[in-house]
Amino acid sequence: MRTRARSLAAALALVSALLVAGCSAVPQPIVTRLPSDGAPAASATPSASASSSASGTPTTSARSSSTPSSSVEDADDCGGQARTITASDRTIVLTGQCPLVRIEGNAVAVDARGASVGAVSVAGDRIALTAEAIGDTTVDGNDASLEVSSVGALTIRGDRNAVTAPGGGGDVVVSGNDNTVTAAVSNVTVDGQRNRIG
């Protein structure tokens, strides 16, 4: 009986050894698992998100804040009506008859050389106006630059504004500091410091 038990134990030990040896000798298959449609896939490199608009033109979903938006140019024909410009960081080109132009935004460049401009009212900062002859003008703000051929009566209430009118101008009233008016003018009233008129 013992001989039989020993034979059976030896046979079992041999079968176990063969199974272990057989399992380790056979190469295992490599399984690659891809993420399902619901799971987000990780990307090793960042990429810009892009989509197509209704017209088929690709558009990006993000814009760099370092790109100056003042390169945007809008054309506007006054058509004999007063114009009020409230945009900021824009370039506006005015044409036609403009009896009154109000500029109330900030960092706006207005090119009115192709327009006939009457009165002008500037109520913002960093405004640049280029025009031929303009009528009575009021500047309420800072760091404006007006380059015109001539100006009517001029009132400046603010600091660091510059008006250049080689063709001359009417009466000038300045309340503020560090303003410059380069024009032959009639009467001058100044309340402020470091203003240069004439």
N, C-alpha and C. Protein backbone atom coordinates (compact mmCIF):
# COMPACT_ATOMS: atom_id res chain seq x y z
N MET A 1 0.82 -1.17 0.00
CA MET A 1 0.00 0.00 0.00
C MET A 1 0.87 1.24 0.00
N ARG A 2 1.95 1.16 0.79
CA ARG A 2 2.84 2.31 0.83
C ARG A 2 3.50 2.52 -0.52
N THR A 3 3.82 1.46 -1.21
CA THR A 3 4.46 1.57 -2.51
C THR A 3 3.52 2.24 -3.49
N ARG A 4 2.24 1.88 -3.38
CA ARG A 4 1.26 2.47 -4.27
C ARG A 4 1.09 3.96 -3.98
N ALA A 5 1.07 4.33 -2.71
CA ALA A 5 0.93 5.73 -2.32
C ALA A 5 2.15 6.52 -2.75
N ARG A 6 3.32 5.92 -2.61
CA ARG A 6 4.51 6.61 -3.04
C ARG A 6 4.52 6.79 -4.55
N SER A 7 4.08 5.80 -5.30
CA SER A 7 4.03 5.90 -6.75
C SER A 7 3.06 7.00 -7.18
N LEU A 8 1.91 7.02 -6.48
CA LEU A 8 0.92 8.04 -6.81
C LEU A 8 1.46 9.44 -6.48
N ALA A 9 2.14 9.63 -5.37
CA ALA A 9 2.71 10.93 -4.99
C ALA A 9 3.79 11.33 -5.97
N ALA A 10 4.61 10.35 -6.42
CA ALA A 10 5.66 10.66 -7.38
C ALA A 10 5.06 11.06 -8.72
N ALA A 11 3.98 10.37 -9.12
CA ALA A 11 3.32 10.71 -10.39
C ALA A 11 2.72 12.12 -10.32
N LEU A 12 2.09 12.43 -9.21
CA LEU A 12 1.50 13.78 -9.04
C LEU A 12 2.59 14.85 -9.03
N ALA A 13 3.69 14.60 -8.41
CA ALA A 13 4.78 15.56 -8.38
C ALA A 13 5.34 15.77 -9.79
N LEU A 14 5.42 14.68 -10.58
CA LEU A 14 5.92 14.79 -11.93
C LEU A 14 4.95 15.59 -12.82
N VAL A 15 3.67 15.33 -12.68
CA VAL A 15 2.67 16.05 -13.47
C VAL A 15 2.68 17.54 -13.09
N SER A 16 2.77 17.84 -11.80
CA SER A 16 2.82 19.23 -11.35
C SER A 16 4.06 19.93 -11.89
N ALA A 17 5.19 19.26 -11.88
CA ALA A 17 6.41 19.85 -12.40
C ALA A 17 6.31 20.11 -13.89
N LEU A 18 5.70 19.16 -14.62
CA LEU A 18 5.52 19.36 -16.05
C LEU A 18 4.58 20.53 -16.35
N LEU A 19 3.51 20.66 -15.57
CA LEU A 19 2.57 21.78 -15.77
C LEU A 19 3.23 23.13 -15.51
N VAL A 20 3.98 23.21 -14.43
CA VAL A 20 4.66 24.46 -14.12
C VAL A 20 5.71 24.77 -15.19
N ALA A 21 6.45 23.80 -15.59
CA ALA A 21 7.47 24.00 -16.62
C ALA A 21 6.81 24.36 -17.95
N GLY A 22 5.69 23.72 -18.26
CA GLY A 22 5.00 24.00 -19.51
C GLY A 22 4.40 25.39 -19.54
N CYS A 23 3.89 25.84 -18.42
CA CYS A 23 3.28 27.18 -18.38
C CYS A 23 4.31 28.26 -18.53
N SER A 24 5.44 28.13 -17.93
CA SER A 24 6.43 29.20 -17.99
C SER A 24 7.17 29.22 -19.32
N ALA A 25 7.19 28.11 -20.05
CA ALA A 25 7.92 28.05 -21.30
C ALA A 25 7.10 28.60 -22.47
N VAL A 26 5.79 28.66 -22.35
CA VAL A 26 4.95 29.11 -23.45
C VAL A 26 4.83 30.64 -23.38
N PRO A 27 5.14 31.38 -24.44
CA PRO A 27 5.01 32.84 -24.40
C PRO A 27 3.55 33.25 -24.30
N GLN A 28 3.31 34.24 -23.50
CA GLN A 28 1.96 34.75 -23.29
C GLN A 28 1.64 35.80 -24.36
N PRO A 29 0.40 35.88 -24.85
CA PRO A 29 0.03 36.89 -25.85
C PRO A 29 0.00 38.28 -25.21
N ILE A 30 0.34 39.31 -26.03
CA ILE A 30 0.30 40.69 -25.57
C ILE A 30 -1.07 41.27 -25.91
N VAL A 31 -1.71 41.84 -24.92
CA VAL A 31 -3.04 42.39 -25.11
C VAL A 31 -2.94 43.92 -25.05
N THR A 32 -3.42 44.57 -26.09
CA THR A 32 -3.45 46.04 -26.13
C THR A 32 -4.89 46.49 -25.98
N ARG A 33 -5.12 47.37 -25.00
CA ARG A 33 -6.47 47.86 -24.76
C ARG A 33 -6.54 49.35 -25.13
N LEU A 34 -7.49 49.71 -25.98
CA LEU A 34 -7.72 51.09 -26.38
C LEU A 34 -8.85 51.67 -25.54
N PRO A 35 -8.82 52.99 -25.28
CA PRO A 35 -9.90 53.57 -24.49
C PRO A 35 -11.21 53.52 -25.27
N SER A 36 -12.28 53.38 -24.54
CA SER A 36 -13.60 53.35 -25.19
C SER A 36 -13.99 54.77 -25.59
N ASP A 37 -15.08 54.90 -26.37
CA ASP A 37 -15.52 56.21 -26.85
C ASP A 37 -15.88 57.15 -25.71
N GLY A 38 -16.32 56.66 -24.60
CA GLY A 38 -16.73 57.52 -23.48
C GLY A 38 -15.57 58.02 -22.65
N ALA A 39 -14.40 57.38 -22.71
CA ALA A 39 -13.28 57.77 -21.86
C ALA A 39 -12.42 58.79 -22.58
N PRO A 40 -11.94 59.82 -21.87
CA PRO A 40 -11.08 60.81 -22.52
C PRO A 40 -9.70 60.23 -22.79
N ALA A 41 -9.18 60.49 -23.95
CA ALA A 41 -7.84 60.01 -24.30
C ALA A 41 -6.82 61.06 -23.93
N ALA A 42 -5.71 60.61 -23.36
CA ALA A 42 -4.64 61.54 -22.99
C ALA A 42 -3.80 61.83 -24.21
N SER A 43 -3.36 63.07 -24.33
CA SER A 43 -2.53 63.49 -25.46
C SER A 43 -1.16 63.86 -24.94
N ALA A 44 -0.13 63.36 -25.61
CA ALA A 44 1.22 63.65 -25.17
C ALA A 44 1.66 65.04 -25.57
N THR A 45 1.07 65.57 -26.65
CA THR A 45 1.47 66.90 -27.09
C THR A 45 0.24 67.79 -27.15
N PRO A 46 0.35 69.05 -26.63
CA PRO A 46 -0.79 69.95 -26.70
C PRO A 46 -1.04 70.38 -28.13
N SER A 47 -2.29 70.52 -28.46
CA SER A 47 -2.63 70.99 -29.81
C SER A 47 -3.72 72.02 -29.72
N ALA A 48 -3.78 72.92 -30.72
CA ALA A 48 -4.79 73.97 -30.75
C ALA A 48 -6.10 73.35 -31.20
N SER A 49 -7.17 73.72 -30.55
CA SER A 49 -8.48 73.24 -30.91
C SER A 49 -9.00 74.02 -32.10
N ALA A 50 -9.47 73.32 -33.10
CA ALA A 50 -9.96 74.00 -34.29
C ALA A 50 -11.28 73.38 -34.70
N SER A 51 -12.15 74.19 -35.28
CA SER A 51 -13.42 73.71 -35.77
C SER A 51 -13.72 74.43 -37.06
N SER A 52 -14.71 73.94 -37.77
CA SER A 52 -15.10 74.59 -39.02
C SER A 52 -16.38 75.37 -38.78
N SER A 53 -16.43 76.57 -39.33
CA SER A 53 -17.62 77.38 -39.23
C SER A 53 -18.61 76.92 -40.28
N ALA A 54 -19.79 77.54 -40.31
CA ALA A 54 -20.82 77.15 -41.26
C ALA A 54 -20.34 77.35 -42.69
N SER A 55 -19.44 78.30 -42.92
CA SER A 55 -18.96 78.54 -44.28
C SER A 55 -17.85 77.59 -44.68
N GLY A 56 -17.40 76.73 -43.74
CA GLY A 56 -16.33 75.80 -44.06
C GLY A 56 -14.95 76.35 -43.77
N THR A 57 -14.86 77.59 -43.30
CA THR A 57 -13.57 78.19 -43.00
C THR A 57 -13.13 77.76 -41.61
N PRO A 58 -11.91 77.25 -41.44
CA PRO A 58 -11.47 76.84 -40.12
C PRO A 58 -11.33 78.04 -39.18
N THR A 59 -11.77 77.84 -37.96
CA THR A 59 -11.62 78.89 -36.95
C THR A 59 -11.02 78.27 -35.71
N THR A 60 -10.16 78.99 -35.04
CA THR A 60 -9.56 78.47 -33.81
C THR A 60 -10.40 78.88 -32.63
N SER A 61 -10.36 78.08 -31.57
CA SER A 61 -11.21 78.36 -30.42
C SER A 61 -10.57 79.30 -29.43
N ALA A 62 -9.28 79.59 -29.56
CA ALA A 62 -8.62 80.50 -28.63
C ALA A 62 -7.80 81.50 -29.41
N ARG A 63 -7.69 82.73 -28.86
CA ARG A 63 -6.90 83.78 -29.49
C ARG A 63 -5.83 84.24 -28.52
N SER A 64 -4.71 84.61 -29.07
CA SER A 64 -3.63 85.14 -28.24
C SER A 64 -3.97 86.55 -27.80
N SER A 65 -3.82 86.84 -26.49
CA SER A 65 -4.11 88.17 -25.99
C SER A 65 -3.03 89.17 -26.34
N SER A 66 -1.88 88.65 -26.83
CA SER A 66 -0.81 89.58 -27.17
C SER A 66 -1.00 90.21 -28.55
N THR A 67 -1.95 89.66 -29.34
CA THR A 67 -2.19 90.23 -30.66
C THR A 67 -2.99 91.51 -30.51
N PRO A 68 -2.47 92.62 -30.99
CA PRO A 68 -3.22 93.85 -30.83
C PRO A 68 -4.47 93.84 -31.70
N SER A 69 -5.60 94.19 -31.10
CA SER A 69 -6.83 94.19 -31.87
C SER A 69 -7.05 95.50 -32.58
N SER A 70 -6.17 96.47 -32.39
CA SER A 70 -6.35 97.74 -33.06
C SER A 70 -6.11 97.63 -34.55
N SER A 71 -5.67 96.44 -35.03
CA SER A 71 -5.48 96.26 -36.45
C SER A 71 -6.82 96.10 -37.17
N VAL A 72 -7.87 95.87 -36.41
CA VAL A 72 -9.20 95.73 -37.01
C VAL A 72 -9.62 97.07 -37.57
N GLU A 73 -10.05 97.06 -38.82
CA GLU A 73 -10.39 98.32 -39.47
C GLU A 73 -11.84 98.27 -39.93
N ASP A 74 -12.62 99.29 -39.55
CA ASP A 74 -14.02 99.40 -39.94
C ASP A 74 -14.19 100.64 -40.78
N ALA A 75 -14.91 100.52 -41.88
CA ALA A 75 -15.21 101.66 -42.74
C ALA A 75 -16.63 102.13 -42.45
N ASP A 76 -16.83 103.43 -42.41
CA ASP A 76 -18.13 103.98 -42.08
C ASP A 76 -18.37 105.24 -42.91
N ASP A 77 -19.43 105.22 -43.71
CA ASP A 77 -19.84 106.39 -44.48
C ASP A 77 -20.89 107.12 -43.65
N CYS A 78 -20.56 108.34 -43.23
CA CYS A 78 -21.47 109.09 -42.36
C CYS A 78 -22.80 109.39 -43.07
N GLY A 79 -22.77 109.61 -44.36
CA GLY A 79 -24.00 109.87 -45.10
C GLY A 79 -24.75 111.10 -44.62
N GLY A 80 -24.03 112.13 -44.17
CA GLY A 80 -24.67 113.35 -43.72
C GLY A 80 -25.22 113.29 -42.31
N GLN A 81 -24.94 112.22 -41.58
CA GLN A 81 -25.45 112.04 -40.21
C GLN A 81 -24.30 112.13 -39.20
N ALA A 82 -24.65 112.52 -37.97
CA ALA A 82 -23.66 112.52 -36.89
C ALA A 82 -23.23 111.09 -36.61
N ARG A 83 -21.95 110.91 -36.24
CA ARG A 83 -21.43 109.59 -35.93
C ARG A 83 -20.88 109.57 -34.52
N THR A 84 -21.24 108.53 -33.76
CA THR A 84 -20.69 108.30 -32.43
C THR A 84 -19.93 106.99 -32.46
N ILE A 85 -18.66 107.06 -32.11
CA ILE A 85 -17.79 105.87 -32.10
C ILE A 85 -17.53 105.49 -30.66
N THR A 86 -18.04 104.32 -30.24
CA THR A 86 -17.88 103.88 -28.85
C THR A 86 -16.97 102.67 -28.72
N ALA A 87 -16.48 102.16 -29.82
CA ALA A 87 -15.62 100.97 -29.78
C ALA A 87 -14.28 101.30 -29.16
N SER A 88 -13.57 100.28 -28.74
CA SER A 88 -12.21 100.43 -28.21
C SER A 88 -11.28 99.53 -29.01
N ASP A 89 -10.00 99.91 -29.04
CA ASP A 89 -8.98 99.13 -29.74
C ASP A 89 -9.38 98.86 -31.19
N ARG A 90 -9.76 99.91 -31.89
CA ARG A 90 -10.20 99.78 -33.28
C ARG A 90 -9.58 100.87 -34.13
N THR A 91 -9.59 100.64 -35.44
CA THR A 91 -9.27 101.66 -36.42
C THR A 91 -10.53 101.88 -37.25
N ILE A 92 -11.00 103.10 -37.29
CA ILE A 92 -12.22 103.44 -38.01
C ILE A 92 -11.85 104.38 -39.16
N VAL A 93 -12.36 104.11 -40.35
CA VAL A 93 -12.16 104.97 -41.50
C VAL A 93 -13.50 105.62 -41.82
N LEU A 94 -13.56 106.95 -41.70
CA LEU A 94 -14.79 107.69 -41.98
C LEU A 94 -14.73 108.29 -43.38
N THR A 95 -15.87 108.25 -44.07
CA THR A 95 -16.00 108.88 -45.37
C THR A 95 -17.32 109.63 -45.40
N GLY A 96 -17.51 110.44 -46.42
CA GLY A 96 -18.77 111.15 -46.60
C GLY A 96 -18.86 112.42 -45.76
N GLN A 97 -20.08 112.94 -45.64
CA GLN A 97 -20.35 114.15 -44.85
C GLN A 97 -20.60 113.76 -43.40
N CYS A 98 -19.77 114.26 -42.48
CA CYS A 98 -19.88 113.95 -41.05
C CYS A 98 -20.05 115.27 -40.29
N PRO A 99 -21.29 115.76 -40.09
CA PRO A 99 -21.46 117.05 -39.43
C PRO A 99 -20.98 117.06 -37.98
N LEU A 100 -21.02 115.91 -37.31
CA LEU A 100 -20.55 115.79 -35.93
C LEU A 100 -19.96 114.41 -35.74
N VAL A 101 -18.75 114.35 -35.19
CA VAL A 101 -18.10 113.07 -34.89
C VAL A 101 -17.81 113.04 -33.40
N ARG A 102 -18.41 112.07 -32.70
CA ARG A 102 -18.14 111.85 -31.28
C ARG A 102 -17.31 110.57 -31.16
N ILE A 103 -16.18 110.66 -30.46
CA ILE A 103 -15.33 109.48 -30.24
C ILE A 103 -15.29 109.25 -28.74
N GLU A 104 -15.93 108.16 -28.29
CA GLU A 104 -16.10 107.92 -26.86
C GLU A 104 -15.41 106.64 -26.38
N GLY A 105 -14.67 105.99 -27.22
CA GLY A 105 -13.98 104.78 -26.81
C GLY A 105 -12.57 105.06 -26.34
N ASN A 106 -11.81 104.03 -26.16
CA ASN A 106 -10.41 104.14 -25.75
C ASN A 106 -9.54 103.41 -26.78
N ALA A 107 -8.35 103.95 -27.00
CA ALA A 107 -7.39 103.35 -27.95
C ALA A 107 -8.04 103.19 -29.32
N VAL A 108 -8.62 104.27 -29.82
CA VAL A 108 -9.28 104.26 -31.13
C VAL A 108 -8.50 105.16 -32.09
N ALA A 109 -8.26 104.67 -33.29
CA ALA A 109 -7.65 105.47 -34.35
C ALA A 109 -8.72 105.76 -35.39
N VAL A 110 -8.96 107.04 -35.67
CA VAL A 110 -9.98 107.44 -36.64
C VAL A 110 -9.28 108.15 -37.79
N ASP A 111 -9.44 107.60 -38.99
CA ASP A 111 -8.91 108.20 -40.20
C ASP A 111 -10.08 108.83 -40.94
N ALA A 112 -10.18 110.16 -40.88
CA ALA A 112 -11.28 110.88 -41.53
C ALA A 112 -10.77 111.76 -42.66
N ARG A 113 -9.63 111.40 -43.24
CA ARG A 113 -9.09 112.20 -44.34
C ARG A 113 -9.98 112.17 -45.57
N GLY A 114 -10.79 111.14 -45.71
CA GLY A 114 -11.69 111.04 -46.84
C GLY A 114 -13.08 111.53 -46.53
N ALA A 115 -13.25 112.24 -45.42
CA ALA A 115 -14.57 112.73 -45.00
C ALA A 115 -14.55 114.24 -44.86
N SER A 116 -15.72 114.83 -44.90
CA SER A 116 -15.88 116.25 -44.59
C SER A 116 -16.44 116.32 -43.17
N VAL A 117 -15.59 116.75 -42.22
CA VAL A 117 -15.93 116.67 -40.80
C VAL A 117 -16.28 118.05 -40.27
N GLY A 118 -17.39 118.11 -39.52
CA GLY A 118 -17.78 119.34 -38.84
C GLY A 118 -17.18 119.35 -37.44
N ALA A 119 -18.03 119.41 -36.43
CA ALA A 119 -17.59 119.44 -35.04
C ALA A 119 -17.07 118.07 -34.60
N VAL A 120 -16.14 118.09 -33.64
CA VAL A 120 -15.56 116.85 -33.12
C VAL A 120 -15.61 116.89 -31.60
N SER A 121 -16.01 115.77 -30.99
CA SER A 121 -16.01 115.63 -29.53
C SER A 121 -15.27 114.35 -29.18
N VAL A 122 -14.20 114.48 -28.41
CA VAL A 122 -13.40 113.32 -27.99
C VAL A 122 -13.58 113.16 -26.50
N ALA A 123 -14.05 112.00 -26.08
CA ALA A 123 -14.26 111.72 -24.65
C ALA A 123 -13.72 110.33 -24.34
N GLY A 124 -12.44 110.17 -24.42
CA GLY A 124 -11.80 108.90 -24.14
C GLY A 124 -10.31 109.09 -24.07
N ASP A 125 -9.60 108.03 -23.83
CA ASP A 125 -8.15 108.08 -23.71
C ASP A 125 -7.50 107.39 -24.91
N ARG A 126 -6.32 107.88 -25.30
CA ARG A 126 -5.52 107.31 -26.38
C ARG A 126 -6.30 107.30 -27.70
N ILE A 127 -6.90 108.43 -28.02
CA ILE A 127 -7.62 108.60 -29.28
C ILE A 127 -6.68 109.24 -30.29
N ALA A 128 -6.67 108.75 -31.52
CA ALA A 128 -5.87 109.35 -32.59
C ALA A 128 -6.84 109.69 -33.73
N LEU A 129 -6.87 110.97 -34.11
CA LEU A 129 -7.73 111.42 -35.20
C LEU A 129 -6.86 112.07 -36.26
N THR A 130 -7.03 111.64 -37.51
CA THR A 130 -6.36 112.25 -38.65
C THR A 130 -7.45 112.73 -39.59
N ALA A 131 -7.41 114.02 -39.96
CA ALA A 131 -8.47 114.58 -40.82
C ALA A 131 -7.94 115.81 -41.52
N GLU A 132 -8.74 116.30 -42.46
CA GLU A 132 -8.46 117.59 -43.07
C GLU A 132 -9.00 118.66 -42.12
N ALA A 133 -9.65 119.67 -42.61
CA ALA A 133 -10.19 120.72 -41.74
C ALA A 133 -11.35 120.18 -40.91
N ILE A 134 -11.34 120.50 -39.61
CA ILE A 134 -12.45 120.11 -38.74
C ILE A 134 -12.98 121.36 -38.06
N GLY A 135 -14.22 121.26 -37.58
CA GLY A 135 -14.86 122.39 -36.94
C GLY A 135 -14.47 122.49 -35.47
N ASP A 136 -15.36 123.09 -34.68
CA ASP A 136 -15.12 123.25 -33.25
C ASP A 136 -14.89 121.88 -32.62
N THR A 137 -13.87 121.81 -31.76
CA THR A 137 -13.43 120.51 -31.23
C THR A 137 -13.25 120.58 -29.72
N THR A 138 -13.75 119.55 -29.03
CA THR A 138 -13.58 119.41 -27.58
C THR A 138 -12.88 118.08 -27.30
N VAL A 139 -11.83 118.13 -26.48
CA VAL A 139 -11.11 116.93 -26.09
C VAL A 139 -11.23 116.78 -24.57
N ASP A 140 -11.99 115.78 -24.12
CA ASP A 140 -12.10 115.44 -22.70
C ASP A 140 -11.47 114.08 -22.51
N GLY A 141 -10.23 114.05 -22.15
CA GLY A 141 -9.53 112.79 -21.98
C GLY A 141 -8.04 113.01 -21.95
N ASN A 142 -7.31 111.94 -22.02
CA ASN A 142 -5.85 112.00 -21.92
C ASN A 142 -5.21 111.30 -23.10
N ASP A 143 -4.02 111.76 -23.45
CA ASP A 143 -3.17 111.12 -24.45
C ASP A 143 -3.81 111.04 -25.84
N ALA A 144 -4.63 112.03 -26.18
CA ALA A 144 -5.21 112.08 -27.53
C ALA A 144 -4.23 112.74 -28.47
N SER A 145 -4.33 112.38 -29.75
CA SER A 145 -3.48 112.97 -30.79
C SER A 145 -4.37 113.32 -31.98
N LEU A 146 -4.45 114.62 -32.29
CA LEU A 146 -5.24 115.08 -33.42
C LEU A 146 -4.31 115.72 -34.44
N GLU A 147 -4.26 115.17 -35.65
CA GLU A 147 -3.47 115.73 -36.74
C GLU A 147 -4.44 116.13 -37.84
N VAL A 148 -4.67 117.45 -37.96
CA VAL A 148 -5.65 117.98 -38.89
C VAL A 148 -5.02 119.14 -39.65
N SER A 149 -5.61 119.50 -40.78
CA SER A 149 -5.07 120.64 -41.50
C SER A 149 -5.43 121.96 -40.81
N SER A 150 -6.65 122.04 -40.26
CA SER A 150 -7.05 123.23 -39.49
C SER A 150 -8.16 122.82 -38.54
N VAL A 151 -8.35 123.63 -37.51
CA VAL A 151 -9.36 123.34 -36.48
C VAL A 151 -10.10 124.62 -36.13
N GLY A 152 -11.38 124.49 -35.79
CA GLY A 152 -12.15 125.65 -35.32
C GLY A 152 -11.75 125.97 -33.89
N ALA A 153 -12.68 126.40 -33.08
CA ALA A 153 -12.40 126.63 -31.66
C ALA A 153 -12.03 125.29 -31.02
N LEU A 154 -11.04 125.34 -30.12
CA LEU A 154 -10.52 124.11 -29.52
C LEU A 154 -10.55 124.21 -28.01
N THR A 155 -11.19 123.22 -27.36
CA THR A 155 -11.22 123.13 -25.91
C THR A 155 -10.61 121.80 -25.49
N ILE A 156 -9.58 121.87 -24.63
CA ILE A 156 -8.93 120.65 -24.14
C ILE A 156 -9.07 120.60 -22.64
N ARG A 157 -9.68 119.51 -22.14
CA ARG A 157 -9.77 119.26 -20.70
C ARG A 157 -9.18 117.88 -20.44
N GLY A 158 -7.92 117.86 -20.10
CA GLY A 158 -7.23 116.60 -19.87
C GLY A 158 -5.73 116.82 -19.91
N ASP A 159 -4.98 115.73 -19.89
CA ASP A 159 -3.52 115.80 -19.84
C ASP A 159 -2.89 115.09 -21.03
N ARG A 160 -1.73 115.59 -21.42
CA ARG A 160 -0.86 114.97 -22.43
C ARG A 160 -1.55 114.80 -23.79
N ASN A 161 -2.39 115.74 -24.15
CA ASN A 161 -3.03 115.73 -25.47
C ASN A 161 -2.21 116.56 -26.44
N ALA A 162 -2.22 116.17 -27.73
CA ALA A 162 -1.45 116.90 -28.74
C ALA A 162 -2.35 117.17 -29.94
N VAL A 163 -2.40 118.44 -30.34
CA VAL A 163 -3.17 118.84 -31.52
C VAL A 163 -2.22 119.55 -32.47
N THR A 164 -2.15 119.06 -33.71
CA THR A 164 -1.33 119.69 -34.74
C THR A 164 -2.26 120.14 -35.86
N ALA A 165 -2.26 121.45 -36.13
CA ALA A 165 -3.11 122.02 -37.19
C ALA A 165 -2.31 123.10 -37.92
N PRO A 166 -1.54 122.72 -38.93
CA PRO A 166 -0.68 123.70 -39.63
C PRO A 166 -1.47 124.86 -40.24
N GLY A 167 -2.74 124.62 -40.59
CA GLY A 167 -3.55 125.67 -41.20
C GLY A 167 -4.13 126.64 -40.20
N GLY A 168 -3.88 126.42 -38.92
CA GLY A 168 -4.35 127.34 -37.90
C GLY A 168 -5.64 126.89 -37.25
N GLY A 169 -6.09 127.73 -36.30
CA GLY A 169 -7.30 127.40 -35.56
C GLY A 169 -7.92 128.63 -34.95
N GLY A 170 -9.03 128.41 -34.28
CA GLY A 170 -9.74 129.50 -33.62
C GLY A 170 -9.25 129.68 -32.20
N ASP A 171 -10.17 130.07 -31.32
CA ASP A 171 -9.85 130.26 -29.91
C ASP A 171 -9.50 128.92 -29.27
N VAL A 172 -8.54 128.97 -28.33
CA VAL A 172 -8.10 127.75 -27.64
C VAL A 172 -8.27 127.94 -26.15
N VAL A 173 -8.92 126.95 -25.49
CA VAL A 173 -9.06 126.91 -24.04
C VAL A 173 -8.49 125.59 -23.56
N VAL A 174 -7.50 125.65 -22.66
CA VAL A 174 -6.85 124.44 -22.17
C VAL A 174 -6.97 124.38 -20.66
N SER A 175 -7.50 123.26 -20.14
CA SER A 175 -7.54 122.99 -18.70
C SER A 175 -6.89 121.64 -18.50
N GLY A 176 -5.68 121.63 -18.02
CA GLY A 176 -4.96 120.38 -17.82
C GLY A 176 -3.48 120.63 -17.91
N ASN A 177 -2.73 119.56 -17.94
CA ASN A 177 -1.28 119.65 -17.91
C ASN A 177 -0.64 118.93 -19.09
N ASP A 178 0.51 119.44 -19.49
CA ASP A 178 1.36 118.79 -20.51
C ASP A 178 0.65 118.63 -21.85
N ASN A 179 -0.21 119.56 -22.23
CA ASN A 179 -0.87 119.54 -23.53
C ASN A 179 -0.07 120.37 -24.52
N THR A 180 -0.13 119.99 -25.80
CA THR A 180 0.60 120.70 -26.85
C THR A 180 -0.36 121.01 -28.00
N VAL A 181 -0.43 122.27 -28.36
CA VAL A 181 -1.21 122.69 -29.53
C VAL A 181 -0.24 123.37 -30.48
N THR A 182 -0.03 122.77 -31.64
CA THR A 182 0.86 123.33 -32.64
C THR A 182 0.00 123.90 -33.76
N ALA A 183 -0.32 125.19 -33.64
CA ALA A 183 -1.17 125.86 -34.63
C ALA A 183 -1.13 127.35 -34.36
N ALA A 184 -1.34 128.13 -35.41
CA ALA A 184 -1.52 129.58 -35.23
C ALA A 184 -2.97 129.76 -34.78
N VAL A 185 -3.15 130.31 -33.56
CA VAL A 185 -4.50 130.43 -33.00
C VAL A 185 -4.80 131.88 -32.64
N SER A 186 -6.07 132.16 -32.41
CA SER A 186 -6.50 133.53 -32.10
C SER A 186 -6.26 133.84 -30.63
N ASN A 187 -7.18 133.50 -29.79
CA ASN A 187 -7.08 133.77 -28.35
C ASN A 187 -6.80 132.48 -27.61
N VAL A 188 -6.00 132.59 -26.55
CA VAL A 188 -5.62 131.40 -25.78
C VAL A 188 -5.93 131.63 -24.31
N THR A 189 -6.62 130.65 -23.69
CA THR A 189 -6.87 130.66 -22.25
C THR A 189 -6.33 129.35 -21.70
N VAL A 190 -5.39 129.43 -20.75
CA VAL A 190 -4.74 128.22 -20.25
C VAL A 190 -4.88 128.17 -18.73
N ASP A 191 -5.31 127.01 -18.22
CA ASP A 191 -5.38 126.75 -16.79
C ASP A 191 -4.72 125.38 -16.57
N GLY A 192 -3.46 125.40 -16.18
CA GLY A 192 -2.73 124.15 -16.00
C GLY A 192 -1.22 124.44 -16.10
N GLN A 193 -0.46 123.37 -16.12
CA GLN A 193 0.99 123.52 -16.13
C GLN A 193 1.61 122.80 -17.33
N ARG A 194 2.72 123.32 -17.76
CA ARG A 194 3.56 122.76 -18.82
C ARG A 194 2.78 122.57 -20.13
N ASN A 195 1.86 123.45 -20.42
CA ASN A 195 1.13 123.43 -21.70
C ASN A 195 1.89 124.29 -22.70
N ARG A 196 1.96 123.82 -23.95
CA ARG A 196 2.65 124.57 -25.00
C ARG A 196 1.66 124.87 -26.12
N ILE A 197 1.39 126.14 -26.35
CA ILE A 197 0.42 126.56 -27.36
C ILE A 197 1.13 127.45 -28.38
N GLY A 198 0.90 127.19 -29.66
CA GLY A 198 1.44 128.08 -30.69
C GLY A 198 2.33 127.38 -31.67
